[in-house]
C-alpha atoms as a PDB file:
ATOM      1  CA  MET A   1    -188.718   9.555 -46.987  1.00  0.00           C
ATOM      2  CA  ILE A   2    -192.054  11.387 -47.113  1.00  0.00           C
ATOM      3  CA  ASN A   3    -192.810   9.767 -50.500  1.00  0.00           C
ATOM      4  CA  PHE A   4    -192.123   6.353 -48.966  1.00  0.00           C
ATOM      5  CA  PHE A   5    -194.631   6.981 -46.178  1.00  0.00           C
ATOM      6  CA  ARG A   6    -197.072   8.357 -48.731  1.00  0.00           C
ATOM      7  CA  LYS A   7    -196.981   5.111 -50.735  1.00  0.00           C
ATOM      8  CA  ILE A   8    -197.625   3.055 -47.594  1.00  0.00           C
ATOM      9  CA  ARG A   9    -200.495   5.337 -46.586  1.00  0.00           C
ATOM     10  CA  LYS A  10    -202.067   5.123 -50.071  1.00  0.00           C
ATOM     11  CA  GLN A  11    -201.851   1.356 -50.055  1.00  0.00           C
ATOM     12  CA  LEU A  12    -203.583   1.173 -46.688  1.00  0.00           C
ATOM     13  CA  ALA A  13    -206.279   3.544 -47.903  1.00  0.00           C
ATOM     14  CA  ASP A  14    -206.935   1.458 -51.022  1.00  0.00           C
ATOM     15  CA  ASP A  15    -207.611  -1.646 -48.903  1.00  0.00           C
ATOM     16  CA  ASN A  16    -210.912  -0.114 -47.750  1.00  0.00           C
ATOM     17  CA  LYS A  17    -212.505   1.779 -50.627  1.00  0.00           C
ATOM     18  CA  PRO A  18    -215.357   3.497 -48.700  1.00  0.00           C
ATOM     19  CA  ILE A  19    -212.998   5.298 -46.373  1.00  0.00           C
ATOM     20  CA  LYS A  20    -209.936   5.606 -48.599  1.00  0.00           C
ATOM     21  CA  TYR A  21    -210.411   9.337 -49.118  1.00  0.00           C
ATOM     22  CA  PHE A  22    -210.664   9.882 -45.387  1.00  0.00           C
ATOM     23  CA  ARG A  23    -207.491   7.902 -44.840  1.00  0.00           C
ATOM     24  CA  TYR A  24    -205.825   9.770 -47.662  1.00  0.00           C
ATOM     25  CA  ALA A  25    -206.687  13.141 -46.129  1.00  0.00           C
ATOM     26  CA  ILE A  26    -205.515  12.112 -42.672  1.00  0.00           C
ATOM     27  CA  GLY A  27    -202.332  10.719 -44.160  1.00  0.00           C
ATOM     28  CA  GLU A  28    -201.613  13.949 -45.989  1.00  0.00           C
ATOM     29  CA  ILE A  29    -202.032  15.909 -42.771  1.00  0.00           C
ATOM     30  CA  ILE A  30    -199.735  13.552 -40.902  1.00  0.00           C
ATOM     31  CA  LEU A  31    -197.115  13.788 -43.644  1.00  0.00           C
ATOM     32  CA  VAL A  32    -197.225  17.562 -43.605  1.00  0.00           C
ATOM     33  CA  VAL A  33    -196.867  17.638 -39.811  1.00  0.00           C
ATOM     34  CA  VAL A  34    -193.998  15.128 -39.912  1.00  0.00           C
ATOM     35  CA  GLY A  35    -192.276  17.191 -42.608  1.00  0.00           C
ATOM     36  CA  ILE A  36    -192.631  20.365 -40.579  1.00  0.00           C
ATOM     37  CA  LEU A  37    -191.313  18.673 -37.433  1.00  0.00           C
ATOM     38  CA  ILE A  38    -188.310  17.287 -39.310  1.00  0.00           C
ATOM     39  CA  ALA A  39    -187.567  20.691 -40.838  1.00  0.00           C
ATOM     40  CA  LEU A  40    -187.873  22.407 -37.469  1.00  0.00           C
ATOM     41  CA  SER A  41    -185.646  19.783 -35.863  1.00  0.00           C
ATOM     42  CA  LEU A  42    -182.963  20.242 -38.517  1.00  0.00           C
ATOM     43  CA  ASN A  43    -183.195  24.017 -38.254  1.00  0.00           C
ATOM     44  CA  ASN A  44    -182.934  23.901 -34.457  1.00  0.00           C
ATOM     45  CA  TRP A  45    -179.942  21.575 -34.714  1.00  0.00           C
ATOM     46  CA  LYS A  46    -178.211  23.934 -37.134  1.00  0.00           C
ATOM     47  CA  GLU A  47    -178.914  26.935 -34.896  1.00  0.00           C
ATOM     48  CA  SER A  48    -177.709  25.053 -31.827  1.00  0.00           C
ATOM     49  CA  ARG A  49    -174.572  24.001 -33.676  1.00  0.00           C
ATOM     50  CA  GLN A  50    -173.876  27.568 -34.761  1.00  0.00           C
ATOM     51  CA  GLU A  51    -174.335  28.787 -31.182  1.00  0.00           C
ATOM     52  CA  THR A  52    -171.938  26.105 -29.945  1.00  0.00           C
ATOM     53  CA  LEU A  53    -169.318  27.040 -32.538  1.00  0.00           C
ATOM     54  CA  GLN A  54    -169.688  30.711 -31.587  1.00  0.00           C
ATOM     55  CA  GLU A  55    -169.316  29.880 -27.893  1.00  0.00           C
ATOM     56  CA  VAL A  56    -166.176  27.843 -28.582  1.00  0.00           C
ATOM     57  CA  LYS A  57    -164.709  30.764 -30.528  1.00  0.00           C
ATOM     58  CA  ILE A  58    -165.431  33.145 -27.662  1.00  0.00           C
ATOM     59  CA  LEU A  59    -164.020  30.743 -25.073  1.00  0.00           C
ATOM     60  CA  LYS A  60    -160.794  30.381 -27.064  1.00  0.00           C
ATOM     61  CA  GLN A  61    -160.384  34.166 -27.127  1.00  0.00           C
ATOM     62  CA  LEU A  62    -161.237  34.235 -23.440  1.00  0.00           C
ATOM     63  CA  LYS A  63    -158.568  31.639 -22.708  1.00  0.00           C
ATOM     64  CA  SER A  64    -156.013  33.699 -24.635  1.00  0.00           C
ATOM     65  CA  ASP A  65    -156.955  36.807 -22.625  1.00  0.00           C
ATOM     66  CA  LEU A  66    -156.680  34.914 -19.332  1.00  0.00           C
ATOM     67  CA  ILE A  67    -153.237  33.612 -20.278  1.00  0.00           C
ATOM     68  CA  ASP A  68    -152.137  37.189 -21.043  1.00  0.00           C
ATOM     69  CA  ASN A  69    -153.539  38.313 -17.689  1.00  0.00           C
ATOM     70  CA  LEU A  70    -151.731  35.497 -15.900  1.00  0.00           C
ATOM     71  CA  GLU A  71    -148.405  36.468 -17.461  1.00  0.00           C
ATOM     72  CA  GLU A  72    -148.861  40.122 -16.521  1.00  0.00           C
ATOM     73  CA  VAL A  73    -149.961  39.331 -12.958  1.00  0.00           C
ATOM     74  CA  GLU A  74    -146.864  37.156 -12.567  1.00  0.00           C
ATOM     75  CA  ILE A  75    -144.695  40.074 -13.738  1.00  0.00           C
ATOM     76  CA  ILE A  76    -146.389  42.436 -11.292  1.00  0.00           C
ATOM     77  CA  HIS A  77    -145.948  39.852  -8.539  1.00  0.00           C
ATOM     78  CA  GLY A  78    -142.201  39.825  -9.246  1.00  0.00           C
ATOM     79  CA  GLU A  79    -142.015  43.624  -9.241  1.00  0.00           C
ATOM     80  CA  VAL A  80    -143.912  43.886  -5.950  1.00  0.00           C
ATOM     81  CA  GLN A  81    -141.567  41.324  -4.428  1.00  0.00           C
ATOM     82  CA  VAL A  82    -138.586  43.451  -5.506  1.00  0.00           C
ATOM     83  CA  ARG A  83    -140.075  46.476  -3.707  1.00  0.00           C
ATOM     84  CA  ARG A  84    -140.873  44.458  -0.584  1.00  0.00           C
ATOM     85  CA  GLN A  85    -137.350  43.003  -0.476  1.00  0.00           C
ATOM     86  CA  ALA A  86    -135.937  46.518  -0.881  1.00  0.00           C
ATOM     87  CA  SER A  87    -137.992  47.814   2.041  1.00  0.00           C
ATOM     88  CA  ASP A  88    -136.975  44.753   4.101  1.00  0.00           C
ATOM     89  CA  SER A  89    -133.321  45.576   3.443  1.00  0.00           C
ATOM     90  CA  ILE A  90    -133.803  49.254   4.299  1.00  0.00           C
ATOM     91  CA  ILE A  91    -135.332  48.237   7.639  1.00  0.00           C
ATOM     92  CA  VAL A  92    -132.274  46.055   8.308  1.00  0.00           C
ATOM     93  CA  TYR A  93    -129.981  49.023   7.525  1.00  0.00           C
ATOM     94  CA  PHE A  94    -132.011  51.153   9.934  1.00  0.00           C
ATOM     95  CA  ASN A  95    -131.890  48.600  12.716  1.00  0.00           C
ATOM     96  CA  GLU A  96    -128.144  48.031  12.347  1.00  0.00           C
ATOM     97  CA  LYS A  97    -127.272  51.671  11.540  1.00  0.00           C
ATOM     98  CA  ARG A  98    -125.135  50.590   8.584  1.00  0.00           C
ATOM     99  CA  GLN A  99    -123.030  52.951   6.525  1.00  0.00           C
ATOM    100  CA  LEU A 100    -124.415  54.339   3.289  1.00  0.00           C
ATOM    101  CA  ASP A 101    -123.309  52.215   0.334  1.00  0.00           C
ATOM    102  CA  ASP A 102    -124.351  51.366  -3.228  1.00  0.00           C
ATOM    103  CA  SER A 103    -126.666  48.606  -2.027  1.00  0.00           C
ATOM    104  CA  LEU A 104    -128.668  50.975   0.178  1.00  0.00           C
ATOM    105  CA  ILE A 105    -128.940  53.482  -2.679  1.00  0.00           C
ATOM    106  CA  MET A 106    -130.225  50.654  -4.886  1.00  0.00           C
ATOM    107  CA  TYR A 107    -132.831  49.709  -2.238  1.00  0.00           C
ATOM    108  CA  PHE A 108    -134.037  53.315  -2.033  1.00  0.00           C
ATOM    109  CA  THR A 109    -134.419  53.315  -5.806  1.00  0.00           C
ATOM    110  CA  ARG A 110    -136.228  49.959  -5.984  1.00  0.00           C
ATOM    111  CA  MET A 111    -138.599  51.001  -3.232  1.00  0.00           C
ATOM    112  CA  ARG A 112    -139.907  53.676  -5.602  1.00  0.00           C
ATOM    113  CA  TYR A 113    -140.714  51.331  -8.514  1.00  0.00           C
ATOM    114  CA  THR A 114    -144.292  51.361  -9.779  1.00  0.00           C
ATOM    115  CA  SER A 115    -146.380  48.649 -11.446  1.00  0.00           C
ATOM    116  CA  PHE A 116    -149.314  49.041 -13.813  1.00  0.00           C
ATOM    117  CA  PHE A 117    -151.816  46.341 -14.770  1.00  0.00           C
ATOM    118  CA  ASN A 118    -153.509  46.326 -18.173  1.00  0.00           C
ATOM    119  CA  SER A 119    -156.245  43.720 -18.091  1.00  0.00           C
ATOM    120  CA  ALA A 120    -156.826  41.721 -21.290  1.00  0.00           C
ATOM    121  CA  ASN A 121    -160.616  41.774 -21.384  1.00  0.00           C
ATOM    122  CA  THR A 122    -161.690  41.805 -25.046  1.00  0.00           C
ATOM    123  CA  ALA A 123    -163.595  38.518 -24.803  1.00  0.00           C
ATOM    124  CA  TYR A 124    -165.138  39.404 -21.441  1.00  0.00           C
ATOM    125  CA  LYS A 125    -166.417  42.742 -22.750  1.00  0.00           C
ATOM    126  CA  TYR A 126    -167.969  40.959 -25.734  1.00  0.00           C
ATOM    127  CA  ILE A 127    -169.649  38.438 -23.423  1.00  0.00           C
ATOM    128  CA  GLN A 128    -171.026  41.305 -21.349  1.00  0.00           C
ATOM    129  CA  SER A 129    -172.406  43.099 -24.413  1.00  0.00           C
ATOM    130  CA  ALA A 130    -173.867  39.928 -25.941  1.00  0.00           C
ATOM    131  CA  GLY A 131    -175.287  38.699 -22.625  1.00  0.00           C
ATOM    132  CA  MET A 132    -173.564  36.523 -20.052  1.00  0.00           C
ATOM    133  CA  ASN A 133    -175.761  33.561 -21.029  1.00  0.00           C
ATOM    134  CA  ILE A 134    -173.666  33.240 -24.168  1.00  0.00           C
ATOM    135  CA  VAL A 135    -171.451  31.161 -21.842  1.00  0.00           C
ATOM    136  CA  SER A 136    -173.704  28.154 -21.275  1.00  0.00           C
ATOM    137  CA  ASN A 137    -171.840  26.687 -18.285  1.00  0.00           C
ATOM    138  CA  ASP A 138    -173.300  28.273 -15.136  1.00  0.00           C
ATOM    139  CA  SER A 139    -170.265  27.522 -12.976  1.00  0.00           C
ATOM    140  CA  LEU A 140    -167.811  28.859 -15.538  1.00  0.00           C
ATOM    141  CA  ARG A 141    -169.918  31.980 -15.979  1.00  0.00           C
ATOM    142  CA  THR A 142    -169.813  32.630 -12.220  1.00  0.00           C
ATOM    143  CA  HIS A 143    -166.049  32.067 -11.970  1.00  0.00           C
ATOM    144  CA  LEU A 144    -165.469  34.305 -14.987  1.00  0.00           C
ATOM    145  CA  THR A 145    -167.463  37.144 -13.445  1.00  0.00           C
ATOM    146  CA  MET A 146    -165.640  36.804 -10.125  1.00  0.00           C
ATOM    147  CA  MET A 147    -162.265  36.905 -11.860  1.00  0.00           C
ATOM    148  CA  TYR A 148    -162.909  40.099 -13.834  1.00  0.00           C
ATOM    149  CA  GLU A 149    -165.183  41.932 -11.417  1.00  0.00           C
ATOM    150  CA  LYS A 150    -163.273  41.081  -8.229  1.00  0.00           C
ATOM    151  CA  GLU A 151    -159.805  39.562  -8.590  1.00  0.00           C
ATOM    152  CA  LEU A 152    -158.416  41.546 -11.524  1.00  0.00           C
ATOM    153  CA  ARG A 153    -160.150  44.734 -10.458  1.00  0.00           C
ATOM    154  CA  ASN A 154    -158.606  44.425  -7.001  1.00  0.00           C
ATOM    155  CA  ILE A 155    -155.146  44.399  -8.584  1.00  0.00           C
ATOM    156  CA  ASP A 156    -155.869  47.878  -9.931  1.00  0.00           C
ATOM    157  CA  LEU A 157    -157.307  49.078  -6.611  1.00  0.00           C
ATOM    158  CA  ARG A 158    -154.327  47.821  -4.610  1.00  0.00           C
ATOM    159  CA  ALA A 159    -151.911  49.371  -7.115  1.00  0.00           C
ATOM    160  CA  ILE A 160    -153.721  52.678  -6.622  1.00  0.00           C
ATOM    161  CA  GLY A 161    -153.380  52.270  -2.850  1.00  0.00           C
ATOM    162  CA  GLU A 162    -149.656  51.640  -3.106  1.00  0.00           C
ATOM    163  CA  ASN A 163    -149.165  54.565  -5.484  1.00  0.00           C
ATOM    164  CA  GLU A 164    -150.948  56.825  -3.000  1.00  0.00           C
ATOM    165  CA  ILE A 165    -148.425  55.843  -0.326  1.00  0.00           C
ATOM    166  CA  GLN A 166    -145.596  56.575  -2.743  1.00  0.00           C
ATOM    167  CA  ASN A 167    -146.915  59.814  -4.246  1.00  0.00           C
ATOM    168  CA  ASP A 168    -148.557  61.340  -1.164  1.00  0.00           C
ATOM    169  CA  VAL A 169    -146.177  60.172   1.575  1.00  0.00           C
ATOM    170  CA  LEU A 170    -142.869  58.760   0.327  1.00  0.00           C
ATOM    171  CA  GLU A 171    -142.053  61.135  -2.551  1.00  0.00           C
ATOM    172  CA  PRO A 172    -142.624  64.367  -0.544  1.00  0.00           C
ATOM    173  CA  PHE A 173    -140.208  63.024   2.081  1.00  0.00           C
ATOM    174  CA  ILE A 174    -137.678  62.034  -0.624  1.00  0.00           C
ATOM    175  CA  ARG A 175    -137.747  65.538  -2.116  1.00  0.00           C
ATOM    176  CA  THR A 176    -136.914  67.048   1.281  1.00  0.00           C
ATOM    177  CA  HIS A 177    -134.412  64.614   2.785  1.00  0.00           C
ATOM    178  CA  PHE A 178    -132.717  63.064  -0.282  1.00  0.00           C
ATOM    179  CA  LYS A 179    -130.626  64.382  -3.123  1.00  0.00           C
ATOM    180  CA  PRO A 180    -130.503  63.120  -6.719  1.00  0.00           C
ATOM    181  CA  ILE A 181    -127.369  61.430  -7.985  1.00  0.00           C
ATOM    182  CA  ALA A 182    -126.141  60.805 -11.531  1.00  0.00           C
ATOM    183  CA  TRP A 183    -127.202  57.626 -13.238  1.00  0.00           C
ATOM    184  CA  ASP A 184    -126.888  56.013 -16.662  1.00  0.00           C
ATOM    185  CA  SER A 185    -130.255  55.952 -18.441  1.00  0.00           C
ATOM    186  CA  HIS A 186    -129.017  53.100 -20.621  1.00  0.00           C
ATOM    187  CA  THR A 187    -128.334  50.926 -17.593  1.00  0.00           C
ATOM    188  CA  PHE A 188    -131.498  51.428 -15.587  1.00  0.00           C
ATOM    189  CA  THR A 189    -135.016  50.674 -16.773  1.00  0.00           C
ATOM    190  CA  TYR A 190    -137.019  52.594 -14.163  1.00  0.00           C
ATOM    191  CA  VAL A 191    -138.233  56.150 -14.676  1.00  0.00           C
ATOM    192  CA  LYS A 192    -137.447  57.780 -11.314  1.00  0.00           C
ATOM    193  CA  HIS A 193    -133.874  58.939 -10.804  1.00  0.00           C
ATOM    194  CA  GLN A 194    -131.572  57.543  -8.161  1.00  0.00           C
ATOM    195  CA  VAL A 195    -131.417  59.323  -4.848  1.00  0.00           C
ATOM    196  CA  GLN A 196    -129.432  59.092  -1.656  1.00  0.00           C
ATOM    197  CA  PRO A 197    -130.077  60.589   1.783  1.00  0.00           C
ATOM    198  CA  ILE A 198    -128.517  63.986   2.416  1.00  0.00           C
ATOM    199  CA  ASN A 199    -127.401  62.711   5.807  1.00  0.00           C
ATOM    200  CA  VAL A 200    -127.854  58.989   6.449  1.00  0.00           C
ATOM    201  CA  GLU A 201    -127.223  59.319  10.214  1.00  0.00           C
ATOM    202  CA  LEU A 202    -130.024  61.864  10.532  1.00  0.00           C
ATOM    203  CA  LEU A 203    -132.219  59.669   8.369  1.00  0.00           C
ATOM    204  CA  TYR A 204    -131.696  56.717  10.715  1.00  0.00           C
ATOM    205  CA  SER A 205    -132.935  58.835  13.592  1.00  0.00           C
ATOM    206  CA  ASN A 206    -135.978  60.045  11.655  1.00  0.00           C
ATOM    207  CA  ILE A 207    -138.915  57.979  12.879  1.00  0.00           C
ATOM    208  CA  GLU A 208    -141.174  59.418  10.163  1.00  0.00           C
ATOM    209  CA  PHE A 209    -139.206  57.788   7.357  1.00  0.00           C
ATOM    210  CA  LEU A 210    -139.032  54.464   9.173  1.00  0.00           C
ATOM    211  CA  ASN A 211    -142.799  54.536   9.600  1.00  0.00           C
ATOM    212  CA  ILE A 212    -143.208  55.254   5.874  1.00  0.00           C
ATOM    213  CA  VAL A 213    -141.032  52.265   5.003  1.00  0.00           C
ATOM    214  CA  LEU A 214    -142.874  50.021   7.461  1.00  0.00           C
ATOM    215  CA  GLU A 215    -146.248  51.121   6.097  1.00  0.00           C
ATOM    216  CA  GLN A 216    -145.219  50.416   2.522  1.00  0.00           C
ATOM    217  CA  ASN A 217    -143.678  47.088   3.524  1.00  0.00           C
ATOM    218  CA  ALA A 218    -146.897  45.952   5.207  1.00  0.00           C
ATOM    219  CA  TYR A 219    -148.974  47.019   2.201  1.00  0.00           C
ATOM    220  CA  LEU A 220    -146.632  45.191  -0.185  1.00  0.00           C
ATOM    221  CA  GLN A 221    -146.910  41.985   1.829  1.00  0.00           C
ATOM    222  CA  VAL A 222    -150.699  42.150   1.507  1.00  0.00           C
ATOM    223  CA  ARG A 223    -150.378  42.782  -2.232  1.00  0.00           C
ATOM    224  CA  ILE A 224    -148.105  39.770  -2.626  1.00  0.00           C
ATOM    225  CA  HIS A 225    -150.637  37.564  -0.825  1.00  0.00           C
ATOM    226  CA  TRP A 226    -153.498  38.655  -3.074  1.00  0.00           C
ATOM    227  CA  LEU A 227    -151.420  38.478  -6.241  1.00  0.00           C
ATOM    228  CA  GLU A 228    -150.397  34.901  -5.432  1.00  0.00           C
ATOM    229  CA  ASP A 229    -154.042  34.040  -4.743  1.00  0.00           C
ATOM    230  CA  THR A 230    -155.070  35.559  -8.092  1.00  0.00           C
ATOM    231  CA  ILE A 231    -152.360  33.599  -9.920  1.00  0.00           C
ATOM    232  CA  ILE A 232    -153.722  30.335  -8.501  1.00  0.00           C
ATOM    233  CA  LYS A 233    -157.288  31.273  -9.460  1.00  0.00           C
ATOM    234  CA  LEU A 234    -156.231  32.316 -12.975  1.00  0.00           C
ATOM    235  CA  GLU A 235    -154.449  29.009 -13.550  1.00  0.00           C
ATOM    236  CA  LYS A 236    -157.526  27.131 -12.363  1.00  0.00           C
ATOM    237  CA  LEU A 237    -159.880  29.218 -14.512  1.00  0.00           C
ATOM    238  CA  ILE A 238    -157.738  28.698 -17.631  1.00  0.00           C
ATOM    239  CA  LYS A 239    -157.981  24.930 -17.120  1.00  0.00           C
ATOM    240  CA  GLU A 240    -161.735  25.226 -16.589  1.00  0.00           C
ATOM    241  CA  VAL A 241    -162.162  27.171 -19.841  1.00  0.00           C
ATOM    242  CA  GLN A 242    -160.072  24.603 -21.728  1.00  0.00           C
ATOM    243  CA  SER A 243    -162.191  21.746 -20.332  1.00  0.00           C
ATOM    244  CA  GLU A 244    -165.357  23.518 -21.476  1.00  0.00           C
ATOM    245  CA  ILE A 245    -163.902  24.048 -24.960  1.00  0.00           C
ATOM    246  CA  GLU A 246    -163.094  20.335 -25.225  1.00  0.00           C
ATOM    247  CA  ARG A 247    -166.590  19.404 -24.002  1.00  0.00           C
ATOM    248  CA  LEU A 248    -168.294  21.608 -26.569  1.00  0.00           C
ATOM    249  CA  GLU A 249    -166.085  20.427 -29.418  1.00  0.00           C
ATOM    250  CA  ASN A 250    -166.789  16.735 -28.727  1.00  0.00           C
END
C-alpha cells in the first residue's frame, strides 16, 4: 500500500519539475509517518486483543470458582437448617416436657454439627496480584470485590461465631449434664459422638440449657438469612460474569 501511495506522490511531483524534489521529500516523510501509524495501530490492536483474551480466560476461571462457592454455600445452608430445625424441636420437647426418645437424642446430636467454608478464590487472588483493573468492567469489579471481601468473608465470621457458642457454651454444659452413648461409626457421618441427658426431667428444669438452645437457635436463624442472601447474590454475579465473557468474545 505504501508503494502505491509512493507512485501517486512521484507522479504528482513530476508534474511540476521545479518543486518535484520538495514534493518528493514531503511525500517520503508522509509515507514514513503513515507507515509508523499503521504499525502502531496494528501493534495496539494485537496488544488489546491479547489483553481481552487474557481477561476472558480469567473471567472463565472466576466463574468456575463462583459456581464452586455457590455449591458449597448451598451445602452449608442445608447444614445450618438442620441445626436450626434440631434446636426448634428441642425447644418443643422442653415446652411440652416430652419423654426422652430416639428423636430427641438425634436432635441433641444434630445441634452439635459444625460447618466449614472453603472459599474457591484462585482467580480472585490472581486478579488482586495482577491489579483489579485487569477486570475492565467497573461494575463487575465492584460486585466481585463485595462478594469476596464482604459476603464470603462473613460466612467464615458467622461460622466462627456459631462455633464459639458451641465450644465455649454448649459443649461444657454437655460434658457435665449429658452422657455418651454407643453409636455405629459406619452409620453416622458426624464427628461428635451421640449423647443423651443424664436426667431429662432435671434438664427440662434447667433454664441455663434452654437459654443456650435459644441463643444458638437465634444465631442460626440469622445465619440462614445471610446465607440465603449470599446465594442470591452469587447466582446474580455468575450471570454477570457470563454476560461479560460473551461481550468480550463477540
